[in-house]
Amino acid sequence: MKHAVVTGSSRGIGLELCRQLHAAGWKVTALCRHTTPALEALGVPLREGIDVTDEAALRQLGTGLEARSIDLLINNAGILDNVSLESLDIESCRRQFEVNALGPLRVTQALLPALVEGGKVALVTSRMGSIGDNTSGGSYGYRMSKAALNAAGKSLAHDLAGRRISVAILHPGYVRTDMTGHHGLINVEEAAAGLLQRIDGLSPENSGTFWHSNGEVLPW
């Protein structure tokens, strides 16, 4: 049975990814800061108290999971705080950078010993991190942090190629979740299904690609 680890799994896209992977026969380890009844109802192993900015907790997590091979790591945890030029909040930008850009890098590094050769790493990012696609400005902390995550994903694709670990950089779409105030174009079920389709098609040959969950390749 293949083993997937999902961060930010207590709600929204992360919860639905866990649900769909579990239904497809994967062994799923759900990581979150605080569990929820919906996550507990899935009946998958979960690790609460995992903050992607807490290096000590991540080191401990890596030690605990090292003996359990990981076929797929989905870095889904993230935060969104709308910061405009007029209301520039540097602390908010810094926090988003810590969670959205450095968090996935920390998690990947901590769990790297447990990732199997030929495994996969998925980074749930946003097309708001695309410089070429930015037509409206604003959202400074979120845009900057996701652009940094995209850059990290491209580097990871190169650095992990020797172990044939493939990396997907994935935009889920404009999804109706708590993060978006339940505004959006698609629901979490459709978004998660699209993300898993992209992950299923991930290979060393297309590692490092920036995809929309619908299969469109996005501009950097």
N, C-alpha and C. Protein backbone atom coordinates (compact mmCIF):
# COMPACT_ATOMS: atom_id res chain seq x y z
N MET A 1 0.84 -1.20 0.00
CA MET A 1 0.00 0.00 0.00
C MET A 1 0.87 1.25 0.00
N LYS A 2 0.61 2.16 -0.92
CA LYS A 2 1.40 3.38 -1.00
C LYS A 2 1.01 4.33 0.13
N HIS A 3 2.00 5.15 0.55
CA HIS A 3 1.83 6.03 1.71
C HIS A 3 1.94 7.48 1.27
N ALA A 4 0.92 8.27 1.59
CA ALA A 4 0.91 9.71 1.31
C ALA A 4 0.86 10.48 2.61
N VAL A 5 1.58 11.59 2.65
CA VAL A 5 1.57 12.51 3.79
C VAL A 5 1.07 13.85 3.28
N VAL A 6 0.08 14.42 3.99
CA VAL A 6 -0.56 15.66 3.55
C VAL A 6 -0.50 16.67 4.69
N THR A 7 0.05 17.85 4.44
CA THR A 7 0.04 18.93 5.44
C THR A 7 -1.22 19.77 5.28
N GLY A 8 -1.57 20.52 6.33
CA GLY A 8 -2.75 21.38 6.27
C GLY A 8 -4.01 20.59 5.99
N SER A 9 -4.16 19.46 6.70
CA SER A 9 -5.19 18.47 6.33
C SER A 9 -6.49 18.60 7.11
N SER A 10 -6.61 19.59 7.97
CA SER A 10 -7.78 19.64 8.86
C SER A 10 -9.05 20.13 8.19
N ARG A 11 -8.91 20.80 7.04
CA ARG A 11 -10.09 21.36 6.37
C ARG A 11 -9.77 21.65 4.91
N GLY A 12 -10.78 22.07 4.18
CA GLY A 12 -10.60 22.54 2.82
C GLY A 12 -9.97 21.52 1.88
N ILE A 13 -9.05 22.00 1.06
CA ILE A 13 -8.42 21.14 0.05
C ILE A 13 -7.63 20.02 0.70
N GLY A 14 -6.91 20.31 1.78
CA GLY A 14 -6.13 19.28 2.44
C GLY A 14 -6.98 18.13 2.94
N LEU A 15 -8.10 18.45 3.56
CA LEU A 15 -9.03 17.43 4.06
C LEU A 15 -9.56 16.59 2.90
N GLU A 16 -9.92 17.26 1.80
CA GLU A 16 -10.47 16.53 0.66
C GLU A 16 -9.42 15.67 -0.03
N LEU A 17 -8.18 16.14 -0.07
CA LEU A 17 -7.10 15.31 -0.61
C LEU A 17 -6.95 14.03 0.21
N CYS A 18 -6.98 14.18 1.53
CA CYS A 18 -6.90 13.00 2.41
C CYS A 18 -8.07 12.06 2.14
N ARG A 19 -9.25 12.61 2.00
CA ARG A 19 -10.44 11.79 1.77
C ARG A 19 -10.34 11.01 0.46
N GLN A 20 -9.94 11.69 -0.60
CA GLN A 20 -9.88 11.02 -1.90
C GLN A 20 -8.73 10.02 -1.98
N LEU A 21 -7.61 10.33 -1.38
CA LEU A 21 -6.50 9.38 -1.36
C LEU A 21 -6.87 8.13 -0.56
N HIS A 22 -7.49 8.34 0.59
CA HIS A 22 -7.92 7.22 1.44
C HIS A 22 -8.92 6.34 0.69
N ALA A 23 -9.86 6.96 -0.01
CA ALA A 23 -10.86 6.21 -0.77
C ALA A 23 -10.22 5.43 -1.92
N ALA A 24 -9.10 5.93 -2.43
CA ALA A 24 -8.40 5.27 -3.53
C ALA A 24 -7.47 4.16 -3.04
N GLY A 25 -7.42 3.93 -1.72
CA GLY A 25 -6.64 2.83 -1.19
C GLY A 25 -5.25 3.18 -0.69
N TRP A 26 -4.95 4.48 -0.61
CA TRP A 26 -3.66 4.91 -0.06
C TRP A 26 -3.68 4.84 1.46
N LYS A 27 -2.51 4.60 2.03
CA LYS A 27 -2.32 4.86 3.46
C LYS A 27 -2.01 6.35 3.57
N VAL A 28 -2.77 7.07 4.36
CA VAL A 28 -2.64 8.52 4.45
C VAL A 28 -2.26 8.92 5.87
N THR A 29 -1.23 9.73 6.00
CA THR A 29 -0.90 10.37 7.27
C THR A 29 -1.23 11.85 7.14
N ALA A 30 -2.17 12.31 7.95
CA ALA A 30 -2.64 13.68 7.90
C ALA A 30 -1.91 14.51 8.94
N LEU A 31 -1.32 15.62 8.51
CA LEU A 31 -0.61 16.52 9.40
C LEU A 31 -1.38 17.83 9.52
N CYS A 32 -1.51 18.33 10.75
CA CYS A 32 -2.25 19.58 10.95
C CYS A 32 -1.83 20.22 12.26
N ARG A 33 -2.15 21.48 12.40
CA ARG A 33 -1.93 22.16 13.68
C ARG A 33 -2.97 21.74 14.69
N HIS A 34 -4.24 21.76 14.26
CA HIS A 34 -5.36 21.40 15.14
C HIS A 34 -6.30 20.49 14.35
N THR A 35 -6.64 19.38 14.92
CA THR A 35 -7.53 18.46 14.24
C THR A 35 -8.97 18.98 14.24
N THR A 36 -9.81 18.35 13.42
CA THR A 36 -11.23 18.70 13.32
C THR A 36 -12.05 17.42 13.33
N PRO A 37 -13.32 17.51 13.69
CA PRO A 37 -14.17 16.31 13.63
C PRO A 37 -14.21 15.70 12.24
N ALA A 38 -14.20 16.54 11.21
CA ALA A 38 -14.25 16.01 9.84
C ALA A 38 -13.01 15.19 9.52
N LEU A 39 -11.85 15.66 9.98
CA LEU A 39 -10.62 14.90 9.74
C LEU A 39 -10.62 13.61 10.54
N GLU A 40 -11.02 13.68 11.78
CA GLU A 40 -11.04 12.49 12.62
C GLU A 40 -12.01 11.44 12.07
N ALA A 41 -13.08 11.91 11.43
CA ALA A 41 -14.08 10.99 10.88
C ALA A 41 -13.52 10.16 9.73
N LEU A 42 -12.44 10.61 9.10
CA LEU A 42 -11.85 9.85 8.00
C LEU A 42 -11.22 8.55 8.49
N GLY A 43 -10.77 8.54 9.75
CA GLY A 43 -10.16 7.35 10.30
C GLY A 43 -8.75 7.08 9.81
N VAL A 44 -8.05 8.14 9.36
CA VAL A 44 -6.67 7.98 8.91
C VAL A 44 -5.73 8.38 10.04
N PRO A 45 -4.50 7.85 10.07
CA PRO A 45 -3.53 8.31 11.07
C PRO A 45 -3.30 9.80 10.94
N LEU A 46 -3.29 10.51 12.05
CA LEU A 46 -3.06 11.95 11.99
C LEU A 46 -2.08 12.37 13.06
N ARG A 47 -1.36 13.43 12.74
CA ARG A 47 -0.41 14.03 13.68
C ARG A 47 -0.80 15.48 13.88
N GLU A 48 -1.29 15.77 15.08
CA GLU A 48 -1.70 17.12 15.43
C GLU A 48 -0.51 17.90 15.97
N GLY A 49 -0.61 19.22 15.97
CA GLY A 49 0.45 20.06 16.52
C GLY A 49 1.61 20.27 15.57
N ILE A 50 1.38 20.01 14.27
CA ILE A 50 2.43 20.19 13.27
C ILE A 50 2.28 21.56 12.63
N ASP A 51 3.11 22.49 13.06
CA ASP A 51 3.18 23.84 12.50
C ASP A 51 4.37 23.87 11.56
N VAL A 52 4.16 24.24 10.30
CA VAL A 52 5.24 24.17 9.32
C VAL A 52 6.32 25.22 9.56
N THR A 53 6.10 26.12 10.53
CA THR A 53 7.14 27.09 10.88
C THR A 53 7.95 26.63 12.10
N ASP A 54 7.59 25.51 12.70
CA ASP A 54 8.22 25.01 13.93
C ASP A 54 9.28 23.97 13.57
N GLU A 55 10.53 24.39 13.48
CA GLU A 55 11.59 23.50 13.03
C GLU A 55 11.82 22.33 13.98
N ALA A 56 11.68 22.56 15.28
CA ALA A 56 11.87 21.48 16.25
C ALA A 56 10.81 20.41 16.07
N ALA A 57 9.55 20.83 15.88
CA ALA A 57 8.46 19.86 15.67
C ALA A 57 8.67 19.08 14.39
N LEU A 58 9.16 19.74 13.35
CA LEU A 58 9.37 19.07 12.08
C LEU A 58 10.52 18.08 12.15
N ARG A 59 11.57 18.42 12.89
CA ARG A 59 12.67 17.47 13.08
C ARG A 59 12.17 16.22 13.80
N GLN A 60 11.37 16.42 14.82
CA GLN A 60 10.80 15.29 15.56
C GLN A 60 9.89 14.47 14.66
N LEU A 61 9.11 15.14 13.83
CA LEU A 61 8.24 14.45 12.89
C LEU A 61 9.05 13.60 11.93
N GLY A 62 10.13 14.18 11.39
CA GLY A 62 10.97 13.45 10.45
C GLY A 62 11.56 12.21 11.07
N THR A 63 11.97 12.29 12.32
CA THR A 63 12.52 11.13 13.01
C THR A 63 11.46 10.05 13.18
N GLY A 64 10.24 10.49 13.51
CA GLY A 64 9.17 9.53 13.74
C GLY A 64 8.68 8.84 12.49
N LEU A 65 8.74 9.54 11.34
CA LEU A 65 8.22 8.97 10.10
C LEU A 65 9.31 8.35 9.23
N GLU A 66 10.57 8.48 9.64
CA GLU A 66 11.67 8.06 8.78
C GLU A 66 11.59 6.58 8.44
N ALA A 67 11.14 5.77 9.39
CA ALA A 67 11.08 4.33 9.16
C ALA A 67 9.90 3.94 8.27
N ARG A 68 8.99 4.87 8.05
CA ARG A 68 7.80 4.58 7.25
C ARG A 68 7.94 5.25 5.90
N SER A 69 8.15 4.49 4.87
CA SER A 69 8.40 5.03 3.54
C SER A 69 7.25 5.92 3.08
N ILE A 70 7.60 7.05 2.50
CA ILE A 70 6.63 8.00 1.96
C ILE A 70 6.74 7.98 0.44
N ASP A 71 5.64 7.65 -0.23
CA ASP A 71 5.61 7.66 -1.68
C ASP A 71 5.21 9.03 -2.23
N LEU A 72 4.41 9.76 -1.45
CA LEU A 72 3.89 11.05 -1.90
C LEU A 72 3.80 12.01 -0.72
N LEU A 73 4.41 13.17 -0.87
CA LEU A 73 4.31 14.24 0.12
C LEU A 73 3.59 15.41 -0.54
N ILE A 74 2.45 15.80 0.03
CA ILE A 74 1.71 16.95 -0.48
C ILE A 74 1.82 18.09 0.52
N ASN A 75 2.54 19.13 0.14
CA ASN A 75 2.69 20.33 0.95
C ASN A 75 1.53 21.26 0.63
N ASN A 76 0.48 21.17 1.45
CA ASN A 76 -0.74 21.91 1.19
C ASN A 76 -0.96 23.08 2.14
N ALA A 77 -0.36 23.05 3.33
CA ALA A 77 -0.60 24.08 4.34
C ALA A 77 -0.23 25.47 3.80
N GLY A 78 -1.10 26.44 4.06
CA GLY A 78 -0.82 27.80 3.61
C GLY A 78 -1.80 28.77 4.23
N ILE A 79 -1.47 30.05 4.16
CA ILE A 79 -2.34 31.10 4.69
C ILE A 79 -2.45 32.21 3.66
N LEU A 80 -3.55 32.95 3.73
CA LEU A 80 -3.81 34.08 2.84
C LEU A 80 -4.26 35.27 3.66
N ASP A 81 -3.54 36.38 3.52
CA ASP A 81 -3.90 37.63 4.15
C ASP A 81 -3.74 38.71 3.09
N ASN A 82 -4.81 39.38 2.75
CA ASN A 82 -4.79 40.34 1.66
C ASN A 82 -4.11 41.64 2.10
N VAL A 83 -2.91 41.86 1.64
CA VAL A 83 -2.12 43.05 2.00
C VAL A 83 -1.98 43.94 0.78
N SER A 84 -2.52 45.15 0.87
CA SER A 84 -2.43 46.11 -0.23
C SER A 84 -1.28 47.09 0.03
N LEU A 85 -0.96 47.87 -0.98
CA LEU A 85 0.09 48.88 -0.83
C LEU A 85 -0.34 49.94 0.18
N GLU A 86 -1.63 50.28 0.17
CA GLU A 86 -2.13 51.31 1.07
C GLU A 86 -2.14 50.84 2.52
N SER A 87 -2.35 49.55 2.73
CA SER A 87 -2.38 49.01 4.09
C SER A 87 -1.24 48.02 4.29
N LEU A 88 -0.06 48.41 3.85
CA LEU A 88 1.08 47.50 3.86
C LEU A 88 1.41 47.06 5.28
N ASP A 89 1.37 45.75 5.48
CA ASP A 89 1.64 45.15 6.79
C ASP A 89 2.81 44.18 6.60
N ILE A 90 4.00 44.65 6.94
CA ILE A 90 5.21 43.86 6.71
C ILE A 90 5.21 42.59 7.55
N GLU A 91 4.68 42.65 8.76
CA GLU A 91 4.64 41.45 9.60
C GLU A 91 3.74 40.39 8.97
N SER A 92 2.64 40.81 8.40
CA SER A 92 1.76 39.86 7.71
C SER A 92 2.47 39.25 6.51
N CYS A 93 3.18 40.07 5.75
CA CYS A 93 3.95 39.54 4.61
C CYS A 93 4.98 38.53 5.07
N ARG A 94 5.67 38.87 6.16
CA ARG A 94 6.70 37.97 6.69
C ARG A 94 6.09 36.64 7.14
N ARG A 95 4.94 36.70 7.80
CA ARG A 95 4.28 35.48 8.26
C ARG A 95 3.86 34.61 7.08
N GLN A 96 3.32 35.23 6.04
CA GLN A 96 2.93 34.46 4.86
C GLN A 96 4.15 33.82 4.19
N PHE A 97 5.24 34.54 4.16
CA PHE A 97 6.47 33.97 3.59
C PHE A 97 6.94 32.77 4.41
N GLU A 98 6.88 32.88 5.75
CA GLU A 98 7.30 31.79 6.62
C GLU A 98 6.45 30.54 6.38
N VAL A 99 5.14 30.72 6.29
CA VAL A 99 4.23 29.57 6.15
C VAL A 99 4.20 29.06 4.71
N ASN A 100 4.01 29.95 3.75
CA ASN A 100 3.75 29.54 2.37
C ASN A 100 4.99 29.15 1.59
N ALA A 101 6.12 29.79 1.86
CA ALA A 101 7.34 29.52 1.09
C ALA A 101 8.32 28.66 1.86
N LEU A 102 8.67 29.08 3.07
CA LEU A 102 9.66 28.34 3.84
C LEU A 102 9.07 27.08 4.47
N GLY A 103 7.77 27.11 4.80
CA GLY A 103 7.14 25.95 5.43
C GLY A 103 7.27 24.69 4.59
N PRO A 104 6.84 24.69 3.33
CA PRO A 104 6.98 23.50 2.50
C PRO A 104 8.42 23.04 2.33
N LEU A 105 9.34 24.00 2.27
CA LEU A 105 10.76 23.64 2.15
C LEU A 105 11.24 22.93 3.41
N ARG A 106 10.83 23.45 4.57
CA ARG A 106 11.19 22.80 5.84
C ARG A 106 10.62 21.39 5.92
N VAL A 107 9.35 21.24 5.57
CA VAL A 107 8.70 19.93 5.66
C VAL A 107 9.39 18.93 4.72
N THR A 108 9.65 19.36 3.50
CA THR A 108 10.29 18.47 2.54
C THR A 108 11.66 18.03 3.02
N GLN A 109 12.43 18.97 3.55
CA GLN A 109 13.76 18.62 4.04
C GLN A 109 13.68 17.67 5.23
N ALA A 110 12.72 17.91 6.13
CA ALA A 110 12.58 17.07 7.32
C ALA A 110 12.17 15.64 6.96
N LEU A 111 11.33 15.49 5.93
CA LEU A 111 10.82 14.17 5.57
C LEU A 111 11.59 13.51 4.44
N LEU A 112 12.62 14.17 3.94
CA LEU A 112 13.38 13.65 2.82
C LEU A 112 13.94 12.25 3.06
N PRO A 113 14.45 11.94 4.27
CA PRO A 113 14.97 10.58 4.48
C PRO A 113 13.92 9.49 4.31
N ALA A 114 12.65 9.83 4.51
CA ALA A 114 11.59 8.83 4.40
C ALA A 114 11.00 8.74 2.99
N LEU A 115 11.32 9.69 2.12
CA LEU A 115 10.79 9.66 0.76
C LEU A 115 11.48 8.55 -0.04
N VAL A 116 10.68 7.72 -0.68
CA VAL A 116 11.25 6.61 -1.43
C VAL A 116 11.85 7.11 -2.73
N GLU A 117 12.82 6.37 -3.25
CA GLU A 117 13.33 6.68 -4.57
C GLU A 117 12.20 6.50 -5.58
N GLY A 118 12.03 7.48 -6.45
CA GLY A 118 10.93 7.44 -7.39
C GLY A 118 9.65 8.01 -6.83
N GLY A 119 9.71 8.60 -5.62
CA GLY A 119 8.53 9.19 -4.99
C GLY A 119 8.17 10.53 -5.60
N LYS A 120 7.17 11.18 -5.00
CA LYS A 120 6.67 12.43 -5.55
C LYS A 120 6.46 13.46 -4.43
N VAL A 121 6.72 14.72 -4.77
CA VAL A 121 6.46 15.85 -3.88
C VAL A 121 5.57 16.82 -4.63
N ALA A 122 4.46 17.21 -4.00
CA ALA A 122 3.55 18.19 -4.60
C ALA A 122 3.50 19.44 -3.74
N LEU A 123 3.64 20.58 -4.36
CA LEU A 123 3.54 21.86 -3.68
C LEU A 123 2.25 22.53 -4.13
N VAL A 124 1.33 22.74 -3.20
CA VAL A 124 0.09 23.44 -3.55
C VAL A 124 0.37 24.94 -3.46
N THR A 125 0.46 25.58 -4.59
CA THR A 125 0.81 26.98 -4.69
C THR A 125 -0.40 27.76 -5.20
N SER A 126 -0.18 28.80 -5.97
CA SER A 126 -1.27 29.60 -6.53
C SER A 126 -0.78 30.30 -7.78
N ARG A 127 -1.68 30.49 -8.75
CA ARG A 127 -1.29 31.27 -9.91
C ARG A 127 -1.07 32.73 -9.52
N MET A 128 -1.48 33.11 -8.30
CA MET A 128 -1.16 34.45 -7.83
C MET A 128 0.34 34.63 -7.58
N GLY A 129 1.08 33.53 -7.58
CA GLY A 129 2.53 33.59 -7.50
C GLY A 129 3.19 33.71 -8.87
N SER A 130 2.37 33.70 -9.92
CA SER A 130 2.91 33.86 -11.28
C SER A 130 3.15 35.33 -11.57
N ILE A 131 4.37 35.67 -11.95
CA ILE A 131 4.69 37.04 -12.33
C ILE A 131 4.08 37.37 -13.69
N GLY A 132 4.16 36.41 -14.61
CA GLY A 132 3.61 36.61 -15.95
C GLY A 132 2.11 36.75 -15.97
N ASP A 133 1.43 36.19 -14.96
CA ASP A 133 -0.03 36.19 -14.93
C ASP A 133 -0.59 37.31 -14.05
N ASN A 134 0.28 38.12 -13.46
CA ASN A 134 -0.17 39.18 -12.55
C ASN A 134 -0.69 40.36 -13.35
N THR A 135 -2.02 40.49 -13.37
CA THR A 135 -2.64 41.59 -14.12
C THR A 135 -3.38 42.57 -13.22
N SER A 136 -3.31 42.36 -11.89
CA SER A 136 -4.11 43.21 -11.00
C SER A 136 -3.35 43.77 -9.81
N GLY A 137 -2.10 43.32 -9.57
CA GLY A 137 -1.32 43.83 -8.46
C GLY A 137 -1.87 43.42 -7.10
N GLY A 138 -1.43 44.13 -6.05
CA GLY A 138 -1.92 43.88 -4.70
C GLY A 138 -1.52 42.53 -4.14
N SER A 139 -2.14 42.17 -3.00
CA SER A 139 -1.90 40.88 -2.32
C SER A 139 -0.41 40.61 -2.17
N TYR A 140 0.31 41.58 -1.62
CA TYR A 140 1.77 41.52 -1.64
C TYR A 140 2.34 40.30 -0.93
N GLY A 141 1.94 40.04 0.29
CA GLY A 141 2.51 38.91 1.02
C GLY A 141 2.20 37.58 0.37
N TYR A 142 0.97 37.43 -0.10
CA TYR A 142 0.57 36.16 -0.70
C TYR A 142 1.26 35.95 -2.04
N ARG A 143 1.22 36.95 -2.90
CA ARG A 143 1.87 36.82 -4.20
C ARG A 143 3.37 36.53 -4.05
N MET A 144 4.03 37.30 -3.21
CA MET A 144 5.47 37.15 -3.05
C MET A 144 5.83 35.78 -2.47
N SER A 145 5.05 35.33 -1.49
CA SER A 145 5.35 34.05 -0.86
C SER A 145 5.13 32.89 -1.83
N LYS A 146 4.09 32.97 -2.65
CA LYS A 146 3.83 31.90 -3.61
C LYS A 146 4.83 31.92 -4.76
N ALA A 147 5.28 33.10 -5.17
CA ALA A 147 6.34 33.17 -6.18
C ALA A 147 7.62 32.52 -5.65
N ALA A 148 7.92 32.76 -4.37
CA ALA A 148 9.09 32.13 -3.76
C ALA A 148 8.92 30.62 -3.68
N LEU A 149 7.71 30.15 -3.36
CA LEU A 149 7.45 28.71 -3.32
C LEU A 149 7.66 28.10 -4.70
N ASN A 150 7.20 28.78 -5.74
CA ASN A 150 7.38 28.27 -7.10
C ASN A 150 8.87 28.12 -7.43
N ALA A 151 9.66 29.10 -7.01
CA ALA A 151 11.10 29.03 -7.24
C ALA A 151 11.71 27.87 -6.48
N ALA A 152 11.26 27.66 -5.25
CA ALA A 152 11.76 26.53 -4.46
C ALA A 152 11.41 25.21 -5.12
N GLY A 153 10.19 25.13 -5.65
CA GLY A 153 9.77 23.89 -6.31
C GLY A 153 10.63 23.56 -7.52
N LYS A 154 11.00 24.57 -8.28
CA LYS A 154 11.86 24.34 -9.44
C LYS A 154 13.23 23.84 -9.01
N SER A 155 13.77 24.42 -7.94
CA SER A 155 15.06 23.96 -7.44
C SER A 155 14.97 22.55 -6.88
N LEU A 156 13.88 22.24 -6.17
CA LEU A 156 13.70 20.89 -5.64
C LEU A 156 13.66 19.86 -6.78
N ALA A 157 13.02 20.23 -7.88
CA ALA A 157 12.95 19.30 -9.01
C ALA A 157 14.34 18.93 -9.50
N HIS A 158 15.25 19.90 -9.52
CA HIS A 158 16.63 19.62 -9.92
C HIS A 158 17.37 18.83 -8.83
N ASP A 159 17.24 19.25 -7.59
CA ASP A 159 18.02 18.66 -6.51
C ASP A 159 17.60 17.23 -6.19
N LEU A 160 16.34 16.88 -6.44
CA LEU A 160 15.85 15.54 -6.12
C LEU A 160 15.86 14.61 -7.33
N ALA A 161 16.28 15.11 -8.46
CA ALA A 161 16.27 14.29 -9.68
C ALA A 161 17.16 13.06 -9.54
N GLY A 162 18.25 13.18 -8.80
CA GLY A 162 19.17 12.05 -8.63
C GLY A 162 18.51 10.85 -7.96
N ARG A 163 17.48 11.10 -7.17
CA ARG A 163 16.72 10.01 -6.53
C ARG A 163 15.42 9.73 -7.28
N ARG A 164 15.28 10.32 -8.46
CA ARG A 164 14.09 10.17 -9.29
C ARG A 164 12.82 10.56 -8.52
N ILE A 165 12.95 11.53 -7.62
CA ILE A 165 11.80 12.10 -6.93
C ILE A 165 11.31 13.28 -7.77
N SER A 166 10.05 13.22 -8.19
CA SER A 166 9.48 14.23 -9.06
C SER A 166 8.70 15.26 -8.26
N VAL A 167 8.71 16.49 -8.74
CA VAL A 167 8.09 17.61 -8.02
C VAL A 167 7.05 18.29 -8.90
N ALA A 168 5.84 18.44 -8.37
CA ALA A 168 4.77 19.16 -9.06
C ALA A 168 4.49 20.46 -8.33
N ILE A 169 4.34 21.53 -9.08
CA ILE A 169 4.01 22.86 -8.56
C ILE A 169 2.59 23.14 -9.03
N LEU A 170 1.62 23.14 -8.11
CA LEU A 170 0.22 23.01 -8.49
C LEU A 170 -0.67 24.15 -7.98
N HIS A 171 -1.40 24.74 -8.90
CA HIS A 171 -2.45 25.71 -8.56
C HIS A 171 -3.78 24.96 -8.55
N PRO A 172 -4.51 24.97 -7.44
CA PRO A 172 -5.74 24.18 -7.37
C PRO A 172 -6.92 24.77 -8.13
N GLY A 173 -6.84 26.06 -8.48
CA GLY A 173 -7.98 26.76 -9.05
C GLY A 173 -8.53 27.73 -8.01
N TYR A 174 -9.55 28.46 -8.40
CA TYR A 174 -10.22 29.40 -7.47
C TYR A 174 -11.29 28.59 -6.76
N VAL A 175 -10.95 28.13 -5.56
CA VAL A 175 -11.74 27.10 -4.87
C VAL A 175 -12.54 27.72 -3.73
N ARG A 176 -13.77 27.28 -3.58
CA ARG A 176 -14.64 27.75 -2.50
C ARG A 176 -14.23 27.08 -1.19
N THR A 177 -13.42 27.78 -0.38
CA THR A 177 -12.96 27.28 0.91
C THR A 177 -13.04 28.40 1.94
N ASP A 178 -12.70 28.08 3.18
CA ASP A 178 -12.62 29.11 4.22
C ASP A 178 -11.62 30.19 3.83
N MET A 179 -10.51 29.79 3.19
CA MET A 179 -9.46 30.75 2.82
C MET A 179 -9.98 31.82 1.88
N THR A 180 -10.89 31.44 0.98
CA THR A 180 -11.42 32.40 0.01
C THR A 180 -12.77 32.97 0.42
N GLY A 181 -13.15 32.75 1.68
CA GLY A 181 -14.45 33.20 2.14
C GLY A 181 -15.59 32.50 1.42
N HIS A 182 -15.29 31.29 0.96
CA HIS A 182 -16.25 30.45 0.22
C HIS A 182 -16.71 31.08 -1.09
N HIS A 183 -15.86 31.98 -1.62
CA HIS A 183 -16.04 32.46 -2.98
C HIS A 183 -15.16 31.60 -3.88
N GLY A 184 -15.51 31.46 -5.12
CA GLY A 184 -14.68 30.70 -6.02
C GLY A 184 -15.46 30.15 -7.19
N LEU A 185 -14.73 29.43 -8.07
CA LEU A 185 -15.33 28.89 -9.29
C LEU A 185 -15.58 27.39 -9.20
N ILE A 186 -14.84 26.70 -8.31
CA ILE A 186 -15.01 25.26 -8.20
C ILE A 186 -15.04 24.87 -6.73
N ASN A 187 -15.55 23.67 -6.45
CA ASN A 187 -15.59 23.18 -5.08
C ASN A 187 -14.35 22.36 -4.75
N VAL A 188 -14.19 22.00 -3.49
CA VAL A 188 -12.97 21.31 -3.08
C VAL A 188 -12.87 19.92 -3.70
N GLU A 189 -14.01 19.28 -3.93
CA GLU A 189 -13.98 17.94 -4.53
C GLU A 189 -13.37 17.97 -5.92
N GLU A 190 -13.77 18.95 -6.73
CA GLU A 190 -13.24 19.08 -8.08
C GLU A 190 -11.77 19.48 -8.05
N ALA A 191 -11.42 20.41 -7.16
CA ALA A 191 -10.03 20.86 -7.06
C ALA A 191 -9.11 19.71 -6.66
N ALA A 192 -9.50 18.96 -5.63
CA ALA A 192 -8.66 17.85 -5.15
C ALA A 192 -8.52 16.78 -6.23
N ALA A 193 -9.60 16.48 -6.93
CA ALA A 193 -9.54 15.48 -7.99
C ALA A 193 -8.58 15.92 -9.09
N GLY A 194 -8.62 17.20 -9.46
CA GLY A 194 -7.70 17.71 -10.47
C GLY A 194 -6.26 17.66 -10.02
N LEU A 195 -6.01 18.03 -8.77
CA LEU A 195 -4.65 17.97 -8.23
C LEU A 195 -4.12 16.54 -8.27
N LEU A 196 -4.95 15.59 -7.87
CA LEU A 196 -4.50 14.19 -7.85
C LEU A 196 -4.28 13.66 -9.27
N GLN A 197 -5.03 14.15 -10.24
CA GLN A 197 -4.78 13.77 -11.63
C GLN A 197 -3.42 14.27 -12.09
N ARG A 198 -3.09 15.50 -11.72
CA ARG A 198 -1.78 16.04 -12.09
C ARG A 198 -0.66 15.24 -11.40
N ILE A 199 -0.87 14.90 -10.14
CA ILE A 199 0.14 14.12 -9.41
C ILE A 199 0.30 12.74 -10.02
N ASP A 200 -0.82 12.14 -10.42
CA ASP A 200 -0.76 10.81 -11.05
C ASP A 200 0.05 10.85 -12.33
N GLY A 201 -0.04 11.96 -13.07
CA GLY A 201 0.71 12.09 -14.32
C GLY A 201 2.11 12.64 -14.16
N LEU A 202 2.52 12.90 -12.92
CA LEU A 202 3.85 13.45 -12.65
C LEU A 202 4.92 12.39 -12.87
N SER A 203 6.02 12.80 -13.49
CA SER A 203 7.13 11.88 -13.77
C SER A 203 8.45 12.66 -13.75
N PRO A 204 9.57 11.96 -13.75
CA PRO A 204 10.85 12.67 -13.84
C PRO A 204 10.96 13.55 -15.09
N GLU A 205 10.25 13.17 -16.14
CA GLU A 205 10.33 13.92 -17.40
C GLU A 205 9.62 15.26 -17.32
N ASN A 206 8.57 15.37 -16.51
CA ASN A 206 7.87 16.66 -16.42
C ASN A 206 7.99 17.29 -15.03
N SER A 207 8.90 16.79 -14.23
CA SER A 207 9.13 17.34 -12.89
C SER A 207 9.50 18.81 -12.97
N GLY A 208 8.96 19.60 -12.02
CA GLY A 208 9.27 21.02 -11.98
C GLY A 208 8.31 21.88 -12.79
N THR A 209 7.25 21.28 -13.32
CA THR A 209 6.27 22.03 -14.11
C THR A 209 5.26 22.72 -13.18
N PHE A 210 4.81 23.91 -13.57
CA PHE A 210 3.83 24.70 -12.84
C PHE A 210 2.49 24.51 -13.54
N TRP A 211 1.59 23.73 -12.90
CA TRP A 211 0.32 23.37 -13.51
C TRP A 211 -0.87 23.98 -12.77
N HIS A 212 -1.91 24.27 -13.52
CA HIS A 212 -3.27 24.43 -13.00
C HIS A 212 -3.81 23.02 -12.78
N SER A 213 -4.71 22.86 -11.83
CA SER A 213 -5.27 21.53 -11.58
C SER A 213 -6.03 20.98 -12.79
N ASN A 214 -6.44 21.86 -13.72
CA ASN A 214 -7.14 21.40 -14.93
C ASN A 214 -6.20 20.93 -16.01
N GLY A 215 -4.89 20.97 -15.75
CA GLY A 215 -3.89 20.49 -16.70
C GLY A 215 -3.19 21.57 -17.47
N GLU A 216 -3.66 22.81 -17.38
CA GLU A 216 -3.01 23.93 -18.08
C GLU A 216 -1.65 24.21 -17.45
N VAL A 217 -0.63 24.40 -18.30
CA VAL A 217 0.69 24.81 -17.81
C VAL A 217 0.67 26.32 -17.65
N LEU A 218 1.04 26.78 -16.46
CA LEU A 218 0.95 28.20 -16.12
C LEU A 218 2.27 28.91 -16.35
N PRO A 219 2.23 30.21 -16.64
CA PRO A 219 3.46 30.98 -16.83
C PRO A 219 4.13 31.30 -15.49
N TRP A 220 5.43 31.40 -15.50
CA TRP A 220 6.15 31.79 -14.28
C TRP A 220 5.96 33.28 -14.00
